[in-house]
Amino acid sequence: MDEVERALSQIADIRDRVAAAGRFRGFAPEAMAFNALLSLGVAVAQTVWPQALAQDPVRYMAVWGATLAAMTLISASEAVSRSRGRMAEAMLGAILRLLLPFAAAGVVIAVAICKFSPASAWIVPGLWQILVALAGFAAASSLPRPIVWAAGWYFVCGAIVLALGARGELSPWMMAAPFTLGLAGVALILHRYGEPHGRR
């Protein structure tokens, strides 16, 4: 019995290693394109109704935090629905283990700054974009190779937004321009190079 359990454990370990080294094809370009439109829509709404949606830094960040959470849920739910089979599920688990720490860091940074130093909220959009960039670089080996260009885009945008935010004004477009164009780029990359499991 011990030999059987050891063999099963080794098989599970091999499957996890293959999943971690393989290319995950569960993210849907349609979901990314929808998220790009959602980002654009939020920026337009904040521009049209600034008193309701961007009156102060905390409200600005709350709106964008909710938007990013919605984008994450949309992308994750689509990835789960497209990941069929034990190997696909293992690959989904591997990619989530890579990405979730960055998402958690983004939440902690935003909550800590908005709660204890609201005047420093200008730094959050740039940090969020740099975290997205780092997540993209970290997951690059499991996603289509051109994803590094999207990660580079977010990194450059994050640096620019940090410089602009230091002037003390938060514009909806400091989030919308990087995310709308970045997500549109990711959608194109996934459409061109990505292919869901079971559809090869």
N, C-alpha and C. Protein backbone atom coordinates (compact mmCIF):
# COMPACT_ATOMS: atom_id res chain seq x y z
N MET A 1 0.83 -1.21 0.00
CA MET A 1 0.00 0.00 0.00
C MET A 1 0.86 1.26 0.00
N ASP A 2 1.99 1.20 0.76
CA ASP A 2 2.89 2.33 0.80
C ASP A 2 3.47 2.62 -0.58
N GLU A 3 3.77 1.56 -1.32
CA GLU A 3 4.33 1.73 -2.67
C GLU A 3 3.32 2.40 -3.59
N VAL A 4 2.06 2.00 -3.47
CA VAL A 4 1.01 2.59 -4.30
C VAL A 4 0.84 4.07 -3.96
N GLU A 5 0.81 4.37 -2.66
CA GLU A 5 0.66 5.77 -2.25
C GLU A 5 1.85 6.61 -2.71
N ARG A 6 3.05 6.02 -2.63
CA ARG A 6 4.24 6.74 -3.07
C ARG A 6 4.19 7.00 -4.57
N ALA A 7 3.74 6.00 -5.32
CA ALA A 7 3.64 6.16 -6.78
C ALA A 7 2.61 7.22 -7.14
N LEU A 8 1.47 7.21 -6.45
CA LEU A 8 0.44 8.21 -6.72
C LEU A 8 0.93 9.61 -6.38
N SER A 9 1.68 9.72 -5.27
CA SER A 9 2.24 11.01 -4.88
C SER A 9 3.23 11.51 -5.92
N GLN A 10 4.06 10.59 -6.46
CA GLN A 10 5.03 10.98 -7.48
C GLN A 10 4.34 11.41 -8.76
N ILE A 11 3.26 10.71 -9.13
CA ILE A 11 2.50 11.09 -10.33
C ILE A 11 1.88 12.47 -10.15
N ALA A 12 1.33 12.74 -8.97
CA ALA A 12 0.74 14.05 -8.70
C ALA A 12 1.80 15.14 -8.75
N ASP A 13 2.99 14.82 -8.22
CA ASP A 13 4.09 15.80 -8.24
C ASP A 13 4.53 16.09 -9.67
N ILE A 14 4.63 15.04 -10.48
CA ILE A 14 5.01 15.23 -11.90
C ILE A 14 3.97 16.06 -12.62
N ARG A 15 2.68 15.77 -12.37
CA ARG A 15 1.62 16.54 -13.01
C ARG A 15 1.69 18.01 -12.63
N ASP A 16 1.96 18.29 -11.35
CA ASP A 16 2.07 19.68 -10.90
C ASP A 16 3.26 20.38 -11.56
N ARG A 17 4.37 19.67 -11.72
CA ARG A 17 5.54 20.27 -12.36
C ARG A 17 5.29 20.56 -13.83
N VAL A 18 4.65 19.60 -14.49
CA VAL A 18 4.31 19.81 -15.91
C VAL A 18 3.35 20.98 -16.05
N ALA A 19 2.37 21.07 -15.16
CA ALA A 19 1.41 22.17 -15.20
C ALA A 19 2.09 23.50 -14.99
N ALA A 20 3.04 23.54 -14.04
CA ALA A 20 3.74 24.80 -13.76
C ALA A 20 4.61 25.22 -14.93
N ALA A 21 5.15 24.23 -15.67
CA ALA A 21 6.04 24.54 -16.79
C ALA A 21 5.30 24.73 -18.10
N GLY A 22 4.05 24.31 -18.16
CA GLY A 22 3.29 24.38 -19.41
C GLY A 22 2.71 25.75 -19.65
N ARG A 23 2.12 25.92 -20.81
CA ARG A 23 1.50 27.20 -21.18
C ARG A 23 0.01 27.13 -20.90
N PHE A 24 -0.44 28.02 -20.04
CA PHE A 24 -1.86 28.08 -19.70
C PHE A 24 -2.62 28.82 -20.79
N ARG A 25 -3.69 28.20 -21.28
CA ARG A 25 -4.46 28.79 -22.37
C ARG A 25 -5.93 29.01 -21.98
N GLY A 26 -6.15 29.22 -20.69
CA GLY A 26 -7.52 29.34 -20.22
C GLY A 26 -8.08 30.75 -20.18
N PHE A 27 -7.21 31.77 -20.26
CA PHE A 27 -7.73 33.14 -20.22
C PHE A 27 -8.35 33.48 -21.57
N ALA A 28 -9.55 34.07 -21.51
CA ALA A 28 -10.31 34.35 -22.73
C ALA A 28 -10.05 35.76 -23.24
N PRO A 29 -9.74 35.91 -24.53
CA PRO A 29 -9.57 37.25 -25.07
C PRO A 29 -10.84 38.09 -24.97
N GLU A 30 -12.00 37.43 -25.04
CA GLU A 30 -13.26 38.16 -24.92
C GLU A 30 -13.41 38.79 -23.55
N ALA A 31 -12.99 38.06 -22.51
CA ALA A 31 -13.07 38.60 -21.15
C ALA A 31 -12.14 39.80 -21.00
N MET A 32 -10.95 39.71 -21.58
CA MET A 32 -10.01 40.83 -21.50
C MET A 32 -10.54 42.05 -22.26
N ALA A 33 -11.14 41.81 -23.42
CA ALA A 33 -11.71 42.93 -24.19
C ALA A 33 -12.86 43.57 -23.42
N PHE A 34 -13.68 42.76 -22.77
CA PHE A 34 -14.78 43.30 -21.96
C PHE A 34 -14.22 44.14 -20.81
N ASN A 35 -13.16 43.64 -20.18
CA ASN A 35 -12.54 44.39 -19.08
C ASN A 35 -11.97 45.72 -19.56
N ALA A 36 -11.43 45.74 -20.78
CA ALA A 36 -10.93 46.99 -21.35
C ALA A 36 -12.06 48.00 -21.50
N LEU A 37 -13.20 47.53 -22.00
CA LEU A 37 -14.36 48.41 -22.14
C LEU A 37 -14.89 48.86 -20.78
N LEU A 38 -14.83 47.97 -19.80
CA LEU A 38 -15.27 48.32 -18.45
C LEU A 38 -14.39 49.43 -17.88
N SER A 39 -13.08 49.31 -18.08
CA SER A 39 -12.15 50.34 -17.62
C SER A 39 -12.46 51.68 -18.27
N LEU A 40 -12.70 51.65 -19.56
CA LEU A 40 -13.03 52.88 -20.28
C LEU A 40 -14.34 53.48 -19.76
N GLY A 41 -15.33 52.63 -19.54
CA GLY A 41 -16.62 53.10 -19.04
C GLY A 41 -16.52 53.74 -17.66
N VAL A 42 -15.69 53.16 -16.79
CA VAL A 42 -15.52 53.72 -15.45
C VAL A 42 -14.88 55.10 -15.53
N ALA A 43 -13.88 55.24 -16.41
CA ALA A 43 -13.23 56.55 -16.55
C ALA A 43 -14.20 57.61 -17.08
N VAL A 44 -15.02 57.23 -18.03
CA VAL A 44 -16.01 58.16 -18.56
C VAL A 44 -16.99 58.55 -17.46
N ALA A 45 -17.43 57.56 -16.67
CA ALA A 45 -18.36 57.84 -15.58
C ALA A 45 -17.74 58.77 -14.54
N GLN A 46 -16.48 58.55 -14.20
CA GLN A 46 -15.83 59.43 -13.23
C GLN A 46 -15.64 60.84 -13.79
N THR A 47 -15.44 60.93 -15.10
CA THR A 47 -15.28 62.25 -15.72
C THR A 47 -16.60 63.00 -15.75
N VAL A 48 -17.70 62.28 -16.03
CA VAL A 48 -19.02 62.91 -16.13
C VAL A 48 -19.59 63.22 -14.75
N TRP A 49 -19.37 62.32 -13.77
CA TRP A 49 -19.92 62.50 -12.42
C TRP A 49 -18.80 62.51 -11.38
N PRO A 50 -17.92 63.48 -11.45
CA PRO A 50 -16.77 63.49 -10.52
C PRO A 50 -17.19 63.62 -9.05
N GLN A 51 -18.25 64.36 -8.76
CA GLN A 51 -18.67 64.53 -7.38
C GLN A 51 -19.12 63.22 -6.75
N ALA A 52 -19.73 62.36 -7.55
CA ALA A 52 -20.23 61.09 -7.03
C ALA A 52 -19.15 60.01 -7.03
N LEU A 53 -18.26 60.01 -8.02
CA LEU A 53 -17.35 58.89 -8.21
C LEU A 53 -15.87 59.21 -8.00
N ALA A 54 -15.53 60.48 -7.88
CA ALA A 54 -14.12 60.83 -7.73
C ALA A 54 -13.95 62.10 -6.89
N GLN A 55 -14.81 62.24 -5.89
CA GLN A 55 -14.81 63.49 -5.11
C GLN A 55 -13.52 63.65 -4.31
N ASP A 56 -12.98 62.56 -3.81
CA ASP A 56 -11.75 62.61 -3.02
C ASP A 56 -10.93 61.37 -3.35
N PRO A 57 -9.67 61.33 -2.93
CA PRO A 57 -8.81 60.20 -3.28
C PRO A 57 -9.35 58.85 -2.83
N VAL A 58 -9.96 58.81 -1.64
CA VAL A 58 -10.46 57.53 -1.13
C VAL A 58 -11.60 57.02 -2.01
N ARG A 59 -12.53 57.91 -2.41
CA ARG A 59 -13.63 57.49 -3.27
C ARG A 59 -13.11 57.08 -4.65
N TYR A 60 -12.16 57.84 -5.16
CA TYR A 60 -11.53 57.50 -6.43
C TYR A 60 -10.96 56.09 -6.38
N MET A 61 -10.20 55.79 -5.31
CA MET A 61 -9.58 54.47 -5.18
C MET A 61 -10.61 53.38 -4.95
N ALA A 62 -11.69 53.70 -4.21
CA ALA A 62 -12.73 52.71 -3.97
C ALA A 62 -13.39 52.29 -5.28
N VAL A 63 -13.65 53.27 -6.15
CA VAL A 63 -14.27 52.97 -7.45
C VAL A 63 -13.35 52.09 -8.28
N TRP A 64 -12.07 52.46 -8.34
CA TRP A 64 -11.14 51.67 -9.15
C TRP A 64 -10.81 50.33 -8.50
N GLY A 65 -10.81 50.28 -7.18
CA GLY A 65 -10.61 49.00 -6.51
C GLY A 65 -11.74 48.03 -6.82
N ALA A 66 -12.97 48.54 -6.77
CA ALA A 66 -14.12 47.70 -7.13
C ALA A 66 -14.06 47.27 -8.59
N THR A 67 -13.61 48.19 -9.45
CA THR A 67 -13.49 47.86 -10.87
C THR A 67 -12.46 46.76 -11.11
N LEU A 68 -11.30 46.87 -10.47
CA LEU A 68 -10.27 45.85 -10.62
C LEU A 68 -10.72 44.51 -10.04
N ALA A 69 -11.46 44.56 -8.93
CA ALA A 69 -11.99 43.32 -8.36
C ALA A 69 -12.96 42.66 -9.33
N ALA A 70 -13.83 43.48 -9.96
CA ALA A 70 -14.77 42.93 -10.94
C ALA A 70 -14.03 42.33 -12.14
N MET A 71 -12.98 43.03 -12.60
CA MET A 71 -12.19 42.50 -13.73
C MET A 71 -11.55 41.17 -13.37
N THR A 72 -11.04 41.08 -12.15
CA THR A 72 -10.40 39.85 -11.71
C THR A 72 -11.40 38.70 -11.67
N LEU A 73 -12.58 38.97 -11.13
CA LEU A 73 -13.61 37.92 -11.06
C LEU A 73 -14.06 37.48 -12.45
N ILE A 74 -14.21 38.44 -13.36
CA ILE A 74 -14.61 38.10 -14.73
C ILE A 74 -13.56 37.21 -15.38
N SER A 75 -12.29 37.61 -15.28
CA SER A 75 -11.22 36.84 -15.90
C SER A 75 -11.08 35.47 -15.26
N ALA A 76 -11.15 35.41 -13.92
CA ALA A 76 -10.99 34.14 -13.22
C ALA A 76 -12.14 33.18 -13.50
N SER A 77 -13.37 33.70 -13.50
CA SER A 77 -14.51 32.82 -13.76
C SER A 77 -14.47 32.27 -15.18
N GLU A 78 -14.05 33.09 -16.12
CA GLU A 78 -13.92 32.62 -17.50
C GLU A 78 -12.81 31.58 -17.62
N ALA A 79 -11.71 31.80 -16.91
CA ALA A 79 -10.61 30.83 -16.95
C ALA A 79 -11.04 29.50 -16.35
N VAL A 80 -11.78 29.55 -15.24
CA VAL A 80 -12.25 28.32 -14.61
C VAL A 80 -13.19 27.57 -15.56
N SER A 81 -14.11 28.30 -16.21
CA SER A 81 -15.07 27.65 -17.10
C SER A 81 -14.39 27.04 -18.33
N ARG A 82 -13.25 27.59 -18.73
CA ARG A 82 -12.54 27.08 -19.91
C ARG A 82 -11.53 25.99 -19.58
N SER A 83 -11.26 25.80 -18.28
CA SER A 83 -10.25 24.81 -17.87
C SER A 83 -10.93 23.50 -17.55
N ARG A 84 -10.93 22.61 -18.51
CA ARG A 84 -11.54 21.30 -18.34
C ARG A 84 -10.47 20.22 -18.38
N GLY A 85 -10.61 19.23 -17.53
CA GLY A 85 -9.63 18.17 -17.47
C GLY A 85 -8.65 18.40 -16.34
N ARG A 86 -8.03 17.31 -15.86
CA ARG A 86 -7.16 17.40 -14.69
C ARG A 86 -5.92 18.24 -14.96
N MET A 87 -5.34 18.12 -16.16
CA MET A 87 -4.14 18.89 -16.46
C MET A 87 -4.47 20.38 -16.56
N ALA A 88 -5.59 20.70 -17.21
CA ALA A 88 -5.99 22.11 -17.32
C ALA A 88 -6.25 22.71 -15.94
N GLU A 89 -6.88 21.92 -15.07
CA GLU A 89 -7.14 22.41 -13.72
C GLU A 89 -5.83 22.61 -12.94
N ALA A 90 -4.88 21.69 -13.14
CA ALA A 90 -3.59 21.84 -12.48
C ALA A 90 -2.87 23.08 -12.99
N MET A 91 -2.96 23.35 -14.28
CA MET A 91 -2.32 24.54 -14.85
C MET A 91 -3.00 25.80 -14.33
N LEU A 92 -4.32 25.77 -14.18
CA LEU A 92 -5.03 26.91 -13.62
C LEU A 92 -4.55 27.17 -12.19
N GLY A 93 -4.42 26.11 -11.41
CA GLY A 93 -3.91 26.27 -10.05
C GLY A 93 -2.52 26.86 -10.03
N ALA A 94 -1.67 26.42 -10.96
CA ALA A 94 -0.29 26.93 -11.01
C ALA A 94 -0.26 28.42 -11.35
N ILE A 95 -1.09 28.83 -12.33
CA ILE A 95 -1.08 30.25 -12.73
C ILE A 95 -1.68 31.12 -11.63
N LEU A 96 -2.69 30.60 -10.94
CA LEU A 96 -3.28 31.38 -9.85
C LEU A 96 -2.31 31.55 -8.69
N ARG A 97 -1.50 30.52 -8.43
CA ARG A 97 -0.49 30.65 -7.37
C ARG A 97 0.54 31.72 -7.71
N LEU A 98 0.78 31.93 -9.00
CA LEU A 98 1.70 32.98 -9.42
C LEU A 98 1.08 34.37 -9.29
N LEU A 99 -0.22 34.49 -9.63
CA LEU A 99 -0.84 35.80 -9.74
C LEU A 99 -1.47 36.32 -8.45
N LEU A 100 -1.99 35.41 -7.63
CA LEU A 100 -2.74 35.84 -6.44
C LEU A 100 -1.91 36.66 -5.44
N PRO A 101 -0.63 36.36 -5.23
CA PRO A 101 0.13 37.21 -4.29
C PRO A 101 0.20 38.66 -4.73
N PHE A 102 0.27 38.92 -6.04
CA PHE A 102 0.31 40.29 -6.52
C PHE A 102 -1.04 40.98 -6.28
N ALA A 103 -2.12 40.24 -6.50
CA ALA A 103 -3.45 40.80 -6.24
C ALA A 103 -3.61 41.12 -4.76
N ALA A 104 -3.16 40.22 -3.89
CA ALA A 104 -3.24 40.45 -2.45
C ALA A 104 -2.42 41.67 -2.05
N ALA A 105 -1.23 41.81 -2.64
CA ALA A 105 -0.39 42.97 -2.34
C ALA A 105 -1.08 44.26 -2.75
N GLY A 106 -1.75 44.26 -3.90
CA GLY A 106 -2.48 45.45 -4.35
C GLY A 106 -3.57 45.85 -3.39
N VAL A 107 -4.30 44.87 -2.86
CA VAL A 107 -5.36 45.16 -1.90
C VAL A 107 -4.79 45.74 -0.62
N VAL A 108 -3.75 45.10 -0.09
CA VAL A 108 -3.15 45.56 1.16
C VAL A 108 -2.60 46.97 1.02
N ILE A 109 -1.91 47.25 -0.08
CA ILE A 109 -1.35 48.59 -0.30
C ILE A 109 -2.45 49.64 -0.34
N ALA A 110 -3.51 49.37 -1.11
CA ALA A 110 -4.59 50.35 -1.25
C ALA A 110 -5.30 50.59 0.08
N VAL A 111 -5.62 49.52 0.79
CA VAL A 111 -6.35 49.66 2.06
C VAL A 111 -5.49 50.41 3.09
N ALA A 112 -4.22 50.04 3.19
CA ALA A 112 -3.35 50.66 4.17
C ALA A 112 -3.18 52.16 3.90
N ILE A 113 -2.96 52.50 2.63
CA ILE A 113 -2.73 53.91 2.30
C ILE A 113 -4.01 54.73 2.47
N CYS A 114 -5.12 54.20 1.97
CA CYS A 114 -6.38 54.96 2.06
C CYS A 114 -6.86 55.09 3.50
N LYS A 115 -6.53 54.13 4.35
CA LYS A 115 -6.99 54.19 5.73
C LYS A 115 -6.08 55.06 6.60
N PHE A 116 -4.78 54.94 6.41
CA PHE A 116 -3.85 55.60 7.31
C PHE A 116 -3.18 56.85 6.73
N SER A 117 -3.20 56.98 5.40
CA SER A 117 -2.59 58.17 4.80
C SER A 117 -3.30 58.52 3.49
N PRO A 118 -4.56 58.98 3.58
CA PRO A 118 -5.33 59.29 2.36
C PRO A 118 -4.65 60.31 1.46
N ALA A 119 -3.86 61.20 2.03
CA ALA A 119 -3.18 62.20 1.22
C ALA A 119 -2.14 61.57 0.29
N SER A 120 -1.74 60.33 0.59
CA SER A 120 -0.75 59.64 -0.24
C SER A 120 -1.41 58.71 -1.27
N ALA A 121 -2.74 58.82 -1.42
CA ALA A 121 -3.44 57.91 -2.33
C ALA A 121 -2.99 58.05 -3.78
N TRP A 122 -2.37 59.17 -4.11
CA TRP A 122 -1.90 59.36 -5.48
C TRP A 122 -0.89 58.29 -5.91
N ILE A 123 -0.26 57.65 -4.94
CA ILE A 123 0.77 56.66 -5.27
C ILE A 123 0.17 55.31 -5.68
N VAL A 124 -1.09 55.06 -5.30
CA VAL A 124 -1.68 53.74 -5.50
C VAL A 124 -1.86 53.35 -6.97
N PRO A 125 -2.41 54.23 -7.84
CA PRO A 125 -2.57 53.80 -9.24
C PRO A 125 -1.28 53.35 -9.89
N GLY A 126 -0.20 54.08 -9.67
CA GLY A 126 1.08 53.68 -10.25
C GLY A 126 1.58 52.36 -9.68
N LEU A 127 1.42 52.18 -8.36
CA LEU A 127 1.84 50.92 -7.74
C LEU A 127 1.02 49.76 -8.25
N TRP A 128 -0.30 49.96 -8.41
CA TRP A 128 -1.13 48.89 -8.97
C TRP A 128 -0.63 48.47 -10.34
N GLN A 129 -0.32 49.45 -11.18
CA GLN A 129 0.12 49.12 -12.53
C GLN A 129 1.46 48.40 -12.52
N ILE A 130 2.35 48.80 -11.63
CA ILE A 130 3.64 48.10 -11.53
C ILE A 130 3.43 46.67 -11.01
N LEU A 131 2.49 46.47 -10.08
CA LEU A 131 2.19 45.11 -9.62
C LEU A 131 1.63 44.26 -10.75
N VAL A 132 0.77 44.83 -11.58
CA VAL A 132 0.25 44.09 -12.73
C VAL A 132 1.40 43.71 -13.66
N ALA A 133 2.33 44.66 -13.86
CA ALA A 133 3.49 44.37 -14.71
C ALA A 133 4.31 43.22 -14.13
N LEU A 134 4.58 43.26 -12.84
CA LEU A 134 5.37 42.20 -12.20
C LEU A 134 4.65 40.86 -12.27
N ALA A 135 3.32 40.88 -12.11
CA ALA A 135 2.55 39.64 -12.23
C ALA A 135 2.67 39.10 -13.65
N GLY A 136 2.61 39.98 -14.65
CA GLY A 136 2.77 39.54 -16.04
C GLY A 136 4.13 38.94 -16.30
N PHE A 137 5.19 39.59 -15.79
CA PHE A 137 6.53 39.03 -15.96
C PHE A 137 6.67 37.69 -15.25
N ALA A 138 6.09 37.59 -14.04
CA ALA A 138 6.20 36.35 -13.27
C ALA A 138 5.50 35.19 -13.96
N ALA A 139 4.38 35.49 -14.62
CA ALA A 139 3.59 34.44 -15.27
C ALA A 139 3.93 34.27 -16.75
N ALA A 140 4.94 34.99 -17.24
CA ALA A 140 5.23 34.98 -18.67
C ALA A 140 5.54 33.59 -19.21
N SER A 141 6.19 32.75 -18.40
CA SER A 141 6.54 31.41 -18.88
C SER A 141 5.32 30.51 -19.03
N SER A 142 4.20 30.88 -18.39
CA SER A 142 2.99 30.07 -18.47
C SER A 142 1.95 30.65 -19.43
N LEU A 143 2.24 31.80 -20.01
CA LEU A 143 1.32 32.48 -20.92
C LEU A 143 2.01 32.66 -22.28
N PRO A 144 1.26 33.07 -23.30
CA PRO A 144 1.92 33.32 -24.59
C PRO A 144 3.07 34.31 -24.43
N ARG A 145 4.18 34.05 -25.10
CA ARG A 145 5.40 34.85 -24.91
C ARG A 145 5.20 36.36 -25.10
N PRO A 146 4.41 36.80 -26.08
CA PRO A 146 4.25 38.25 -26.26
C PRO A 146 3.61 38.96 -25.07
N ILE A 147 3.16 38.21 -24.07
CA ILE A 147 2.56 38.85 -22.90
C ILE A 147 3.57 39.75 -22.19
N VAL A 148 4.87 39.52 -22.43
CA VAL A 148 5.88 40.37 -21.80
C VAL A 148 5.78 41.81 -22.30
N TRP A 149 5.28 41.99 -23.53
CA TRP A 149 5.10 43.35 -24.05
C TRP A 149 4.01 44.08 -23.27
N ALA A 150 2.94 43.35 -22.96
CA ALA A 150 1.87 43.95 -22.15
C ALA A 150 2.38 44.26 -20.75
N ALA A 151 3.18 43.35 -20.19
CA ALA A 151 3.75 43.59 -18.86
C ALA A 151 4.66 44.82 -18.89
N GLY A 152 5.45 44.94 -19.95
CA GLY A 152 6.31 46.11 -20.09
C GLY A 152 5.51 47.40 -20.19
N TRP A 153 4.38 47.33 -20.91
CA TRP A 153 3.49 48.49 -21.03
C TRP A 153 3.02 48.95 -19.66
N TYR A 154 2.56 47.99 -18.83
CA TYR A 154 2.08 48.35 -17.50
C TYR A 154 3.20 48.92 -16.63
N PHE A 155 4.41 48.39 -16.79
CA PHE A 155 5.52 48.88 -15.98
C PHE A 155 5.85 50.33 -16.34
N VAL A 156 5.93 50.61 -17.64
CA VAL A 156 6.22 51.98 -18.09
C VAL A 156 5.10 52.92 -17.66
N CYS A 157 3.85 52.49 -17.86
CA CYS A 157 2.72 53.32 -17.46
C CYS A 157 2.72 53.57 -15.96
N GLY A 158 3.05 52.54 -15.17
CA GLY A 158 3.10 52.71 -13.73
C GLY A 158 4.11 53.77 -13.32
N ALA A 159 5.27 53.74 -13.98
CA ALA A 159 6.29 54.74 -13.67
C ALA A 159 5.82 56.15 -14.04
N ILE A 160 5.18 56.27 -15.20
CA ILE A 160 4.68 57.58 -15.63
C ILE A 160 3.58 58.08 -14.70
N VAL A 161 2.67 57.18 -14.33
CA VAL A 161 1.56 57.56 -13.45
C VAL A 161 2.08 57.95 -12.07
N LEU A 162 3.13 57.29 -11.58
CA LEU A 162 3.73 57.70 -10.31
C LEU A 162 4.27 59.13 -10.40
N ALA A 163 4.91 59.43 -11.53
CA ALA A 163 5.45 60.78 -11.71
C ALA A 163 4.34 61.82 -11.79
N LEU A 164 3.26 61.48 -12.52
CA LEU A 164 2.14 62.41 -12.65
C LEU A 164 1.39 62.55 -11.33
N GLY A 165 1.21 61.44 -10.63
CA GLY A 165 0.47 61.46 -9.37
C GLY A 165 1.17 62.28 -8.30
N ALA A 166 2.49 62.37 -8.40
CA ALA A 166 3.24 63.14 -7.40
C ALA A 166 2.84 64.62 -7.42
N ARG A 167 2.23 65.05 -8.51
CA ARG A 167 1.76 66.43 -8.58
C ARG A 167 0.49 66.65 -7.76
N GLY A 168 -0.10 65.56 -7.27
CA GLY A 168 -1.20 65.68 -6.33
C GLY A 168 -2.60 65.58 -6.90
N GLU A 169 -2.75 65.27 -8.19
CA GLU A 169 -4.10 65.18 -8.77
C GLU A 169 -4.32 63.81 -9.36
N LEU A 170 -5.45 63.20 -9.03
CA LEU A 170 -5.81 61.89 -9.56
C LEU A 170 -6.82 62.07 -10.69
N SER A 171 -6.44 61.67 -11.88
CA SER A 171 -7.33 61.72 -13.03
C SER A 171 -7.84 60.31 -13.33
N PRO A 172 -9.11 60.18 -13.74
CA PRO A 172 -9.61 58.86 -14.13
C PRO A 172 -8.76 58.21 -15.21
N TRP A 173 -8.15 59.02 -16.05
CA TRP A 173 -7.40 58.49 -17.18
C TRP A 173 -6.03 57.96 -16.77
N MET A 174 -5.59 58.25 -15.54
CA MET A 174 -4.35 57.67 -15.04
C MET A 174 -4.52 56.17 -14.83
N MET A 175 -5.73 55.73 -14.63
CA MET A 175 -6.02 54.30 -14.55
C MET A 175 -6.57 53.78 -15.87
N ALA A 176 -7.46 54.56 -16.49
CA ALA A 176 -8.17 54.05 -17.67
C ALA A 176 -7.26 53.87 -18.87
N ALA A 177 -6.38 54.83 -19.14
CA ALA A 177 -5.53 54.71 -20.33
C ALA A 177 -4.63 53.47 -20.26
N PRO A 178 -3.89 53.26 -19.15
CA PRO A 178 -3.07 52.05 -19.09
C PRO A 178 -3.88 50.76 -19.14
N PHE A 179 -4.99 50.71 -18.41
CA PHE A 179 -5.74 49.46 -18.35
C PHE A 179 -6.55 49.20 -19.62
N THR A 180 -7.15 50.24 -20.19
CA THR A 180 -7.92 50.03 -21.42
C THR A 180 -7.01 49.55 -22.55
N LEU A 181 -5.91 50.26 -22.76
CA LEU A 181 -5.00 49.87 -23.84
C LEU A 181 -4.26 48.57 -23.50
N GLY A 182 -3.88 48.41 -22.23
CA GLY A 182 -3.18 47.19 -21.83
C GLY A 182 -4.04 45.95 -21.97
N LEU A 183 -5.29 46.03 -21.52
CA LEU A 183 -6.19 44.89 -21.62
C LEU A 183 -6.56 44.60 -23.07
N ALA A 184 -6.71 45.65 -23.88
CA ALA A 184 -6.96 45.44 -25.30
C ALA A 184 -5.78 44.71 -25.94
N GLY A 185 -4.56 45.11 -25.55
CA GLY A 185 -3.38 44.42 -26.05
C GLY A 185 -3.33 42.97 -25.62
N VAL A 186 -3.65 42.70 -24.36
CA VAL A 186 -3.69 41.32 -23.87
C VAL A 186 -4.73 40.51 -24.63
N ALA A 187 -5.89 41.11 -24.89
CA ALA A 187 -6.93 40.42 -25.65
C ALA A 187 -6.42 40.04 -27.04
N LEU A 188 -5.72 40.96 -27.69
CA LEU A 188 -5.17 40.66 -29.02
C LEU A 188 -4.12 39.55 -28.95
N ILE A 189 -3.27 39.60 -27.93
CA ILE A 189 -2.25 38.56 -27.78
C ILE A 189 -2.88 37.20 -27.55
N LEU A 190 -3.88 37.15 -26.67
CA LEU A 190 -4.56 35.87 -26.40
C LEU A 190 -5.30 35.37 -27.63
N HIS A 191 -5.90 36.28 -28.39
CA HIS A 191 -6.61 35.89 -29.60
C HIS A 191 -5.64 35.32 -30.64
N ARG A 192 -4.47 35.94 -30.72
CA ARG A 192 -3.50 35.53 -31.74
C ARG A 192 -2.70 34.30 -31.32
N TYR A 193 -2.28 34.26 -30.06
CA TYR A 193 -1.37 33.21 -29.63
C TYR A 193 -1.98 32.23 -28.65
N GLY A 194 -3.04 32.64 -27.97
CA GLY A 194 -3.64 31.75 -27.00
C GLY A 194 -4.72 30.90 -27.62
N GLU A 195 -4.90 29.73 -27.05
CA GLU A 195 -5.93 28.83 -27.55
C GLU A 195 -6.42 27.99 -26.38
N PRO A 196 -7.73 27.97 -26.14
CA PRO A 196 -8.22 27.24 -24.98
C PRO A 196 -7.97 25.75 -25.07
N HIS A 197 -7.87 25.12 -23.93
CA HIS A 197 -7.71 23.68 -23.89
C HIS A 197 -8.86 22.98 -24.60
N GLY A 198 -8.50 21.97 -25.36
CA GLY A 198 -9.54 21.20 -26.00
C GLY A 198 -9.98 21.78 -27.31
N ARG A 199 -9.33 22.90 -27.78
CA ARG A 199 -9.75 23.49 -29.05
C ARG A 199 -8.58 23.60 -30.01
N ARG A 200 -7.63 22.72 -29.89
CA ARG A 200 -6.46 22.78 -30.76
C ARG A 200 -6.73 22.03 -32.05
